[in-house]
Every structure is written in structure tokens, then in C-alpha cells.
Amino acid sequence: MSRHQAASPPHDDAGRRARAATASDPEGDRAVDKAGAPHPDDRRKPGSPKDLTKPSWGYVLKRTVREFVRDESTDNAAGLTYWAVLALAPAALALFSLLALFGNSRQIVEDAIEEAGANVPTDEGSVIDMLLAAAEGQQGAGLALITGLAVALWTASNYVNAFGRAMNRVYEVDEGRPIWKLRPIMLLVTLVLLLLVVAICVALVLSGGVAEALGAAIGLSSQAVTIWNIAKWPVVVLLVVLAVAVLYFATPNVKQPKFRWLSVGSVVAILVWALATVGFFFYVANFGNYDATYGALGGVVVFLLWLYITNNALLFGAELDAELERGRELQAGIAAEKSIQLPPRDTTASEKKQKKHTDDVARGRRLRESTGARQAAPHDD
């Protein structure tokens, strides 16, 4: 017995069972045991993307596209769009309830939409009217605000959970964190993301007449308001970058290299999203005729397609980051051609799941063998 085998912990039986099950699984090369994966910041790895060789970069770029297709990322983006839509109504209700605390919420919303440059058709406006009526119809705006925030946090956490599952697929790892540990983490990540999204929306809305009115109310000079109207764009970009960084770092069940405010994948995701958004809305404005096709639902369809594009861009950026990590590992001599070698944050849940699967297979085998023996018995006579 080798020294490595002698040093194996007793609980490695679960890992051996997982590897045994993997041997008969056509997708097994994506679910290998990673308990012995090197440290995320192993010194053998190139320190930054610029240290990757040209062959490594070529391999990374080709595999990014192939893995994006293999992981069925477009289907995952559709699921993420569904969860994002579910979170919109309670979030909007909470926002309008917050505005109701300051008086005429309807007028504030209409002014904000006008300042944001949005062209809201009457069919979409009716949705806003319903949300405003719901917020104004509450016995107290404070109660509606608390209720809306709680529901928004919970529904938005479903989006974050779904994004985490998609990220696990990108990094070729099973979810190993038990529910009692995973859910609080995802709720915390959701809270951070909601705060960032609110800050982004506030920064976008606070411009022009809205910024001047608020500045006059709190005693800011016109020069300060002008500076804000210019400086808000870098602020929005920084907030978007931070939101993507939090999603990429906190949701997957892998111990990644140290937190990065800006990764190659996040930069590509944001650029792809921005270009795709401009191209999509240019197409809608000049060539698309969704109102004629979908009638009153035309604006809703356009919004859903935009969310779908957004989630595709996020998943593509995540794939690029994952393949860059694979490229770093391969260049360092680490066997990552089958599976990215990053240690999981936790394996408790995945080991339990694997044990149940192994037990089900064994029970099914016994059932098959016993049934086969009974059927063969009459022929033996």
C-alpha cells in the first residue's frame, strides 16, 4: 500500500463510491471526486490571464464556446428569466410602497419614468397602475413595504439559487452544501444584490428634474447636481461590476481563487450584454413589430427577451472564467482536461445524495436478479 493510500481518511469511502458510479456514467467526467484538488491559489498556476500562453488562450476560447453549448446554457438562461420575472412584482410593490411614504407615489413614479427616458405603452402602464393601486390600497404603506421587501427577498433568492445551480454546472461540481447552510448564504447574497440593484435604479432615476428637485430639497447647489448627473454613470458601472462579481464568486459550490472585483469573464459578460442590448433595442425600434404580433403583450415580450439576453451574457461570462481557470491549471501541469480542479466548499449534501443513489442502484439490482431467478426457475424444471 502506498503512503498516499495509507493516509486516506476513513470517510473517503463516499469518494470511492462516487468514482465507481462515475465509471458507468456517460457524464461522469464532469462529476469526479475533487477532494484532492489543489489550493485555488496554487503557486504553480499562472498569476493572471496575461501569463497564459497563446496555445492556452486558443484552447480556453474554443472550449468556452463548446462548454456553453454542452451545459445547455440557453436553457438555463430561460429558467433564470422565469425566476427573475417572479421577483419583479413584489419588488415593484415594495418600491411603490416606499414612494407612497413620501406622498403622491403615482406622480413620483410617472416623473421617474419620464426622467429615465422610458417609453411605457398604455398596456404596460396598466400593470403599473395595478401595482400602484395595490400599494395605495394597503392599510399602511409601511406594512406593504415590509411585506413587499420580505416577499421580494424570498422570490429573488430563488433566482440566486437557480444561478448557483447553473454555476455548479459551469464549474462541473455537485451542490454539496446542506440546505440549512445553503439557504442563509443565498438569502444574504440576494440581499446584497437587491441593495445593489436598488442603488443602480436610484442612480439612473436621479437625473434631470428629479435630481434638481431632490437637490433643492436637501440644499444642494446646482453645480453639485450637475456633477452628479455626470458622475452617476461611472457609479452605475461600478455597481454593475460589483453585482456580477458577487454572483460569480458567492453562488457556486467551489473554493475559487481570491475575490476579484473585475474578472475577464465579468468584463466580457458586461460588454456582451451592453452590445446585445443596444442591438436588440435597435432591432425592436426599427424592424421588430411585436405590437402587431403580440398585441397588448408586445412590451412584455420585449422585456422578457431582454432578460433572456442578459442571463445568456452572464452565463457566457461565467463559462469564460471557468475555462480560464482550467487553462491556468493545465498550464501548471494539473490534470484538468476532464474536470476543473477546484475544491468544493462542502460535500455533505452531495455525499448523502450519492449514497442514496448507490443504495437505489443496489436495491434495483437485487430486484432484477430476484425476479430473473424466479422467471428462470420453471425453465430449469
Protein backbone atom coordinates (compact mmCIF):
# COMPACT_ATOMS: atom_id res chain seq x y z
CA MET A 1 0.00 0.00 0.00
CA SER A 2 1.39 3.42 -0.94
CA ARG A 3 1.81 6.26 1.50
CA HIS A 4 -0.98 8.17 -0.22
CA GLN A 5 -3.33 5.24 0.21
CA ALA A 6 -2.36 4.80 3.83
CA ALA A 7 -3.09 8.44 4.52
CA SER A 8 -6.57 8.25 3.02
CA PRO A 9 -9.23 9.16 5.61
CA PRO A 10 -11.84 6.56 6.56
CA HIS A 11 -14.66 8.68 5.20
CA ASP A 12 -13.11 8.50 1.72
CA ASP A 13 -15.44 5.56 1.09
CA ALA A 14 -18.03 8.07 -0.16
CA GLY A 15 -15.49 9.42 -2.64
CA ARG A 16 -14.67 5.88 -3.85
CA ARG A 17 -18.37 5.14 -4.27
CA ALA A 18 -18.76 8.36 -6.26
CA ARG A 19 -15.85 7.41 -8.54
CA ALA A 20 -17.26 3.92 -9.01
CA ALA A 21 -20.64 5.35 -10.02
CA THR A 22 -18.85 7.82 -12.30
CA ALA A 23 -17.20 4.99 -14.23
CA SER A 24 -20.58 3.90 -15.65
CA ASP A 25 -21.94 7.42 -16.13
CA PRO A 26 -21.58 8.93 -19.63
CA GLU A 27 -21.32 12.35 -17.99
CA GLY A 28 -19.02 11.01 -15.29
CA ASP A 29 -16.02 13.04 -16.38
CA ARG A 30 -17.91 16.11 -15.16
CA ALA A 31 -18.62 14.76 -11.68
CA VAL A 32 -15.33 13.29 -10.48
CA ASP A 33 -14.27 13.46 -6.86
CA LYS A 34 -12.41 16.72 -6.19
CA ALA A 35 -11.49 16.20 -2.55
CA GLY A 36 -7.81 16.16 -3.53
CA ALA A 37 -7.95 19.24 -5.77
CA PRO A 38 -5.07 21.68 -5.26
CA HIS A 39 -5.50 25.00 -3.47
CA PRO A 40 -7.33 27.59 -5.62
CA ASP A 41 -4.26 29.86 -5.46
CA ASP A 42 -1.71 27.10 -6.06
CA ARG A 43 1.62 28.75 -6.87
CA ARG A 44 2.10 26.56 -9.93
CA LYS A 45 -0.75 28.31 -11.72
CA PRO A 46 -0.14 31.42 -13.85
CA GLY A 47 -0.81 34.51 -11.77
CA SER A 48 -3.00 36.34 -14.28
CA PRO A 49 -4.59 35.80 -17.72
CA LYS A 50 -1.71 37.65 -19.40
CA ASP A 51 0.61 34.84 -18.24
CA LEU A 52 -1.30 32.27 -20.30
CA THR A 53 0.42 31.15 -23.49
CA LYS A 54 -1.16 31.54 -26.93
CA PRO A 55 -1.98 27.81 -27.16
CA SER A 56 -3.65 28.04 -23.74
CA TRP A 57 -5.72 31.04 -24.83
CA GLY A 58 -6.78 29.26 -28.02
CA TYR A 59 -7.84 26.21 -26.02
CA VAL A 60 -9.73 28.37 -23.50
CA LEU A 61 -11.68 30.31 -26.12
CA LYS A 62 -12.69 27.23 -28.12
CA ARG A 63 -13.69 25.29 -25.03
CA THR A 64 -15.68 28.24 -23.65
CA VAL A 65 -18.00 28.14 -26.66
CA ARG A 66 -18.26 24.34 -26.59
CA GLU A 67 -18.95 24.18 -22.85
CA PHE A 68 -21.55 26.95 -23.17
CA VAL A 69 -23.41 24.68 -25.60
CA ARG A 70 -22.70 21.47 -23.67
CA ASP A 71 -24.01 22.95 -20.42
CA GLU A 72 -27.25 23.90 -22.20
CA SER A 73 -26.75 27.46 -21.01
CA THR A 74 -29.51 28.87 -23.19
CA ASP A 75 -32.00 26.61 -21.38
CA ASN A 76 -30.55 27.67 -18.03
CA ALA A 77 -30.92 31.32 -19.08
CA ALA A 78 -34.61 30.70 -19.80
CA GLY A 79 -35.08 29.29 -16.29
CA LEU A 80 -33.25 32.26 -14.77
CA THR A 81 -35.53 34.60 -16.72
CA TYR A 82 -38.56 32.88 -15.20
CA TRP A 83 -37.24 33.37 -11.64
CA ALA A 84 -36.32 36.99 -12.38
CA VAL A 85 -39.85 37.75 -13.56
CA LEU A 86 -41.34 36.19 -10.42
CA ALA A 87 -39.27 38.56 -8.29
CA LEU A 88 -40.32 41.70 -10.19
CA ALA A 89 -43.89 42.11 -8.91
CA PRO A 90 -43.10 42.05 -5.14
CA ALA A 91 -40.03 44.21 -5.74
CA ALA A 92 -42.12 46.78 -7.64
CA LEU A 93 -44.78 46.67 -4.92
CA ALA A 94 -42.13 47.35 -2.30
CA LEU A 95 -40.73 50.23 -4.37
CA PHE A 96 -44.12 51.86 -4.89
CA SER A 97 -44.94 51.38 -1.20
CA LEU A 98 -41.69 53.15 -0.36
CA LEU A 99 -42.65 56.01 -2.65
CA ALA A 100 -46.09 56.14 -1.01
CA LEU A 101 -44.38 57.07 2.25
CA PHE A 102 -43.35 60.33 0.61
CA GLY A 103 -46.79 61.35 -0.60
CA ASN A 104 -48.01 61.21 -4.19
CA SER A 105 -46.39 57.94 -5.29
CA ARG A 106 -48.19 57.92 -8.63
CA GLN A 107 -46.79 61.30 -9.64
CA ILE A 108 -43.30 60.34 -8.45
CA VAL A 109 -43.35 57.13 -10.50
CA GLU A 110 -44.55 58.96 -13.61
CA ASP A 111 -41.84 61.61 -13.19
CA ALA A 112 -39.18 58.94 -12.65
CA ILE A 113 -40.25 57.03 -15.78
CA GLU A 114 -40.18 60.24 -17.79
CA GLU A 115 -36.74 61.20 -16.49
CA ALA A 116 -35.42 57.69 -17.18
CA GLY A 117 -36.40 58.17 -20.80
CA ALA A 118 -38.68 55.15 -20.86
CA ASN A 119 -41.48 54.95 -23.38
CA VAL A 120 -44.08 52.93 -21.49
CA PRO A 121 -47.06 51.92 -23.65
CA THR A 122 -50.53 52.00 -22.21
CA ASP A 123 -50.64 48.23 -21.87
CA GLU A 124 -47.56 48.23 -19.64
CA GLY A 125 -48.82 51.32 -17.89
CA SER A 126 -51.86 49.36 -16.79
CA VAL A 127 -49.54 46.99 -14.92
CA ILE A 128 -48.01 49.98 -13.15
CA ASP A 129 -51.50 51.24 -12.34
CA MET A 130 -52.37 47.90 -10.74
CA LEU A 131 -49.20 47.88 -8.64
CA LEU A 132 -49.78 51.48 -7.58
CA ALA A 133 -53.37 50.70 -6.66
CA ALA A 134 -52.20 47.70 -4.63
CA ALA A 135 -49.64 49.81 -2.80
CA GLU A 136 -52.06 52.67 -2.18
CA GLY A 137 -54.84 50.28 -1.13
CA GLN A 138 -52.85 48.90 1.79
CA GLN A 139 -53.94 49.97 5.26
CA GLY A 140 -50.44 51.29 5.79
CA ALA A 141 -47.63 51.92 3.35
CA GLY A 142 -45.15 50.74 5.96
CA LEU A 143 -46.82 47.34 6.23
CA ALA A 144 -46.93 46.99 2.45
CA LEU A 145 -43.26 47.96 2.29
CA ILE A 146 -42.22 45.35 4.85
CA THR A 147 -44.36 42.67 3.22
CA GLY A 148 -43.12 43.53 -0.25
CA LEU A 149 -39.48 43.52 0.85
CA ALA A 150 -39.85 40.14 2.56
CA VAL A 151 -41.57 38.55 -0.44
CA ALA A 152 -39.12 40.19 -2.85
CA LEU A 153 -36.16 38.86 -0.86
CA TRP A 154 -37.53 35.31 -0.84
CA THR A 155 -38.54 35.22 -4.53
CA ALA A 156 -35.31 36.88 -5.64
CA SER A 157 -33.37 34.29 -3.64
CA ASN A 158 -34.90 31.64 -5.91
CA TYR A 159 -33.18 33.37 -8.82
CA VAL A 160 -29.88 33.36 -6.93
CA ASN A 161 -30.34 29.67 -6.08
CA ALA A 162 -31.01 28.87 -9.74
CA PHE A 163 -27.95 30.88 -10.75
CA GLY A 164 -25.90 28.89 -8.24
CA ARG A 165 -27.08 25.62 -9.80
CA ALA A 166 -26.11 26.91 -13.24
CA MET A 167 -22.69 27.95 -11.89
CA ASN A 168 -22.18 24.50 -10.39
CA ARG A 169 -22.77 23.05 -13.83
CA VAL A 170 -20.28 25.51 -15.30
CA TYR A 171 -17.62 24.51 -12.74
CA GLU A 172 -18.52 20.80 -13.06
CA VAL A 173 -19.29 20.28 -9.39
CA ASP A 174 -22.28 18.98 -7.44
CA GLU A 175 -24.03 21.12 -4.83
CA GLY A 176 -22.65 19.82 -1.55
CA ARG A 177 -23.85 22.46 0.89
CA PRO A 178 -26.76 21.27 3.06
CA ILE A 179 -29.97 23.29 2.86
CA TRP A 180 -29.55 24.76 6.35
CA LYS A 181 -26.24 26.24 5.23
CA LEU A 182 -27.04 27.00 1.59
CA ARG A 183 -30.32 28.90 2.06
CA PRO A 184 -28.98 31.54 4.52
CA ILE A 185 -25.97 32.12 2.27
CA MET A 186 -28.18 32.63 -0.77
CA LEU A 187 -30.51 34.94 1.17
CA LEU A 188 -27.52 37.05 2.20
CA VAL A 189 -26.24 37.16 -1.39
CA THR A 190 -29.76 38.10 -2.53
CA LEU A 191 -29.95 40.93 -0.01
CA VAL A 192 -26.62 42.32 -1.21
CA LEU A 193 -27.73 42.07 -4.85
CA LEU A 194 -31.10 43.71 -4.15
CA LEU A 195 -29.34 46.62 -2.44
CA LEU A 196 -27.03 46.98 -5.43
CA VAL A 197 -29.94 46.83 -7.89
CA VAL A 198 -31.86 49.44 -5.89
CA ALA A 199 -28.76 51.66 -5.84
CA ILE A 200 -28.40 51.27 -9.62
CA CYS A 201 -32.07 52.14 -10.20
CA VAL A 202 -31.85 55.15 -7.89
CA ALA A 203 -28.71 56.37 -9.66
CA LEU A 204 -30.40 56.06 -13.06
CA VAL A 205 -33.61 57.76 -11.94
CA LEU A 206 -31.93 60.62 -10.07
CA SER A 207 -31.18 62.81 -13.05
CA GLY A 208 -32.58 65.89 -14.72
CA GLY A 209 -35.62 67.33 -12.99
CA VAL A 210 -35.75 64.62 -10.32
CA ALA A 211 -32.14 65.33 -9.31
CA GLU A 212 -32.77 69.09 -9.28
CA ALA A 213 -35.89 68.71 -7.13
CA LEU A 214 -34.10 66.42 -4.66
CA GLY A 215 -31.05 68.69 -4.62
CA ALA A 216 -33.21 71.71 -3.82
CA ALA A 217 -34.98 69.75 -1.06
CA ILE A 218 -31.72 68.83 0.70
CA GLY A 219 -29.94 72.11 -0.04
CA LEU A 220 -27.51 71.07 -2.79
CA SER A 221 -26.25 73.66 -5.25
CA SER A 222 -26.90 73.44 -8.97
CA GLN A 223 -23.18 72.74 -9.51
CA ALA A 224 -23.40 69.68 -7.25
CA VAL A 225 -26.42 68.40 -9.18
CA THR A 226 -24.55 68.89 -12.47
CA ILE A 227 -21.55 66.97 -11.14
CA TRP A 228 -23.84 64.14 -10.04
CA ASN A 229 -25.50 63.94 -13.46
CA ILE A 230 -22.04 63.31 -14.94
CA ALA A 231 -20.55 61.15 -12.18
CA LYS A 232 -23.53 58.82 -11.86
CA TRP A 233 -22.51 56.81 -14.94
CA PRO A 234 -19.18 55.60 -13.52
CA VAL A 235 -21.06 54.85 -10.28
CA VAL A 236 -23.61 52.74 -12.16
CA VAL A 237 -20.84 50.83 -13.96
CA LEU A 238 -19.05 50.12 -10.67
CA LEU A 239 -22.27 48.87 -9.08
CA VAL A 240 -22.98 46.58 -12.04
CA VAL A 241 -19.42 45.20 -11.89
CA LEU A 242 -19.77 44.55 -8.17
CA ALA A 243 -23.13 42.79 -8.63
CA VAL A 244 -21.68 40.45 -11.27
CA ALA A 245 -18.60 39.78 -9.13
CA VAL A 246 -20.77 38.80 -6.15
CA LEU A 247 -22.86 36.44 -8.32
CA TYR A 248 -19.79 34.78 -9.82
CA PHE A 249 -17.91 34.39 -6.53
CA ALA A 250 -20.57 33.51 -3.94
CA THR A 251 -23.04 31.23 -5.73
CA PRO A 252 -21.06 28.16 -6.93
CA ASN A 253 -20.01 25.35 -4.60
CA VAL A 254 -16.30 25.76 -5.32
CA LYS A 255 -13.49 27.46 -3.45
CA GLN A 256 -12.37 29.95 -6.06
CA PRO A 257 -9.18 31.98 -6.16
CA LYS A 258 -9.29 35.18 -4.12
CA PHE A 259 -12.22 37.52 -4.71
CA ARG A 260 -11.81 39.66 -7.81
CA TRP A 261 -13.75 42.85 -8.34
CA LEU A 262 -13.21 42.51 -12.06
CA SER A 263 -12.57 39.26 -13.91
CA VAL A 264 -12.15 38.64 -17.61
CA GLY A 265 -15.46 36.80 -17.65
CA SER A 266 -17.36 39.61 -15.93
CA VAL A 267 -15.90 42.20 -18.32
CA VAL A 268 -16.90 40.08 -21.32
CA ALA A 269 -20.36 39.45 -19.85
CA ILE A 270 -21.00 43.16 -19.31
CA LEU A 271 -19.68 44.12 -22.75
CA VAL A 272 -21.67 41.37 -24.49
CA TRP A 273 -24.77 42.37 -22.54
CA ALA A 274 -24.33 46.08 -23.41
CA LEU A 275 -23.76 45.41 -27.12
CA ALA A 276 -26.58 42.87 -27.29
CA THR A 277 -28.92 45.28 -25.51
CA VAL A 278 -28.13 48.10 -27.94
CA GLY A 279 -28.50 45.78 -30.93
CA PHE A 280 -31.72 44.26 -29.64
CA PHE A 281 -33.46 47.55 -28.93
CA PHE A 282 -32.24 48.97 -32.25
CA TYR A 283 -33.87 45.97 -33.94
CA VAL A 284 -37.07 46.39 -31.93
CA ALA A 285 -37.26 50.11 -32.70
CA ASN A 286 -36.57 49.79 -36.43
CA PHE A 287 -37.52 46.31 -37.61
CA GLY A 288 -39.45 44.47 -34.94
CA ASN A 289 -43.22 44.68 -34.88
CA TYR A 290 -44.07 42.98 -31.61
CA ASP A 291 -47.21 45.03 -31.00
CA ALA A 292 -48.74 43.75 -34.23
CA THR A 293 -47.75 40.16 -33.44
CA TYR A 294 -48.49 40.02 -29.71
CA GLY A 295 -50.92 42.90 -29.31
CA ALA A 296 -51.13 44.20 -25.75
CA LEU A 297 -48.36 41.79 -24.69
CA GLY A 298 -45.79 43.23 -27.11
CA GLY A 299 -43.95 45.25 -24.48
CA VAL A 300 -43.91 42.32 -22.07
CA VAL A 301 -42.40 40.03 -24.73
CA VAL A 302 -39.68 42.57 -25.48
CA PHE A 303 -38.83 42.82 -21.78
CA LEU A 304 -38.69 39.02 -21.40
CA LEU A 305 -36.37 38.71 -24.39
CA TRP A 306 -34.10 41.38 -22.90
CA LEU A 307 -33.94 39.48 -19.59
CA TYR A 308 -33.14 36.31 -21.54
CA ILE A 309 -30.28 38.07 -23.34
CA THR A 310 -28.99 39.36 -20.00
CA ASN A 311 -28.88 35.90 -18.44
CA ASN A 312 -27.19 34.39 -21.50
CA ALA A 313 -24.47 37.05 -21.27
CA LEU A 314 -23.96 36.33 -17.56
CA LEU A 315 -23.64 32.58 -18.13
CA PHE A 316 -21.24 33.06 -21.05
CA GLY A 317 -19.00 35.24 -18.88
CA ALA A 318 -19.08 32.58 -16.16
CA GLU A 319 -18.08 29.91 -18.69
CA LEU A 320 -15.14 32.04 -19.79
CA ASP A 321 -13.94 32.50 -16.20
CA ALA A 322 -14.25 28.75 -15.58
CA GLU A 323 -12.31 27.87 -18.73
CA LEU A 324 -9.62 30.41 -17.87
CA GLU A 325 -9.23 28.59 -14.55
CA ARG A 326 -8.97 25.30 -16.46
CA GLY A 327 -6.32 26.86 -18.71
CA ARG A 328 -4.33 28.02 -15.67
CA GLU A 329 -4.49 24.53 -14.21
CA LEU A 330 -3.47 22.80 -17.44
CA GLN A 331 -0.53 25.15 -17.93
CA ALA A 332 0.54 24.36 -14.35
CA GLY A 333 0.52 20.63 -15.11
CA ILE A 334 -2.71 19.90 -13.21
CA ALA A 335 -4.96 17.27 -14.81
CA ALA A 336 -7.98 19.49 -15.55
CA GLU A 337 -8.81 18.37 -19.08
CA LYS A 338 -11.78 16.33 -17.84
CA SER A 339 -12.90 18.44 -14.88
CA ILE A 340 -11.85 21.77 -13.41
CA GLN A 341 -9.83 21.08 -10.27
CA LEU A 342 -11.21 23.45 -7.67
CA PRO A 343 -12.06 22.06 -4.22
CA PRO A 344 -15.76 22.20 -3.24
CA ARG A 345 -16.89 24.41 -0.39
CA ASP A 346 -18.81 21.48 1.09
CA THR A 347 -19.56 17.87 0.14
CA THR A 348 -22.07 16.90 2.85
CA ALA A 349 -25.20 17.04 0.70
CA SER A 350 -23.58 15.56 -2.42
CA GLU A 351 -22.20 12.60 -0.45
CA LYS A 352 -25.65 11.90 1.01
CA LYS A 353 -27.18 12.15 -2.45
CA GLN A 354 -24.57 9.80 -3.88
CA LYS A 355 -25.14 7.28 -1.07
CA LYS A 356 -28.89 7.30 -1.75
CA HIS A 357 -28.25 6.79 -5.45
CA THR A 358 -25.87 3.91 -4.74
CA ASP A 359 -28.44 2.31 -2.43
CA ASP A 360 -31.17 2.69 -5.08
CA VAL A 361 -28.94 1.04 -7.69
CA ALA A 362 -28.13 -1.85 -5.34
CA ARG A 363 -31.81 -2.31 -4.45
CA GLY A 364 -32.76 -2.28 -8.11
CA ARG A 365 -30.07 -4.83 -8.93
CA ARG A 366 -31.34 -7.17 -6.21
CA LEU A 367 -34.89 -6.75 -7.53
CA ARG A 368 -33.78 -7.55 -11.08
CA GLU A 369 -31.76 -10.59 -10.02
CA SER A 370 -34.52 -12.00 -7.79
CA THR A 371 -37.16 -11.51 -10.49
CA GLY A 372 -34.91 -13.08 -13.09
CA ALA A 373 -34.26 -16.07 -10.84
CA ARG A 374 -37.99 -16.68 -10.33
CA GLN A 375 -38.70 -16.43 -14.05
CA ALA A 376 -35.87 -18.82 -14.85
CA ALA A 377 -36.93 -21.42 -12.23
CA PRO A 378 -39.80 -23.07 -14.27
CA HIS A 379 -37.48 -23.47 -17.26
CA ASP A 380 -34.92 -25.19 -15.05
CA ASP A 381 -37.52 -27.88 -14.24
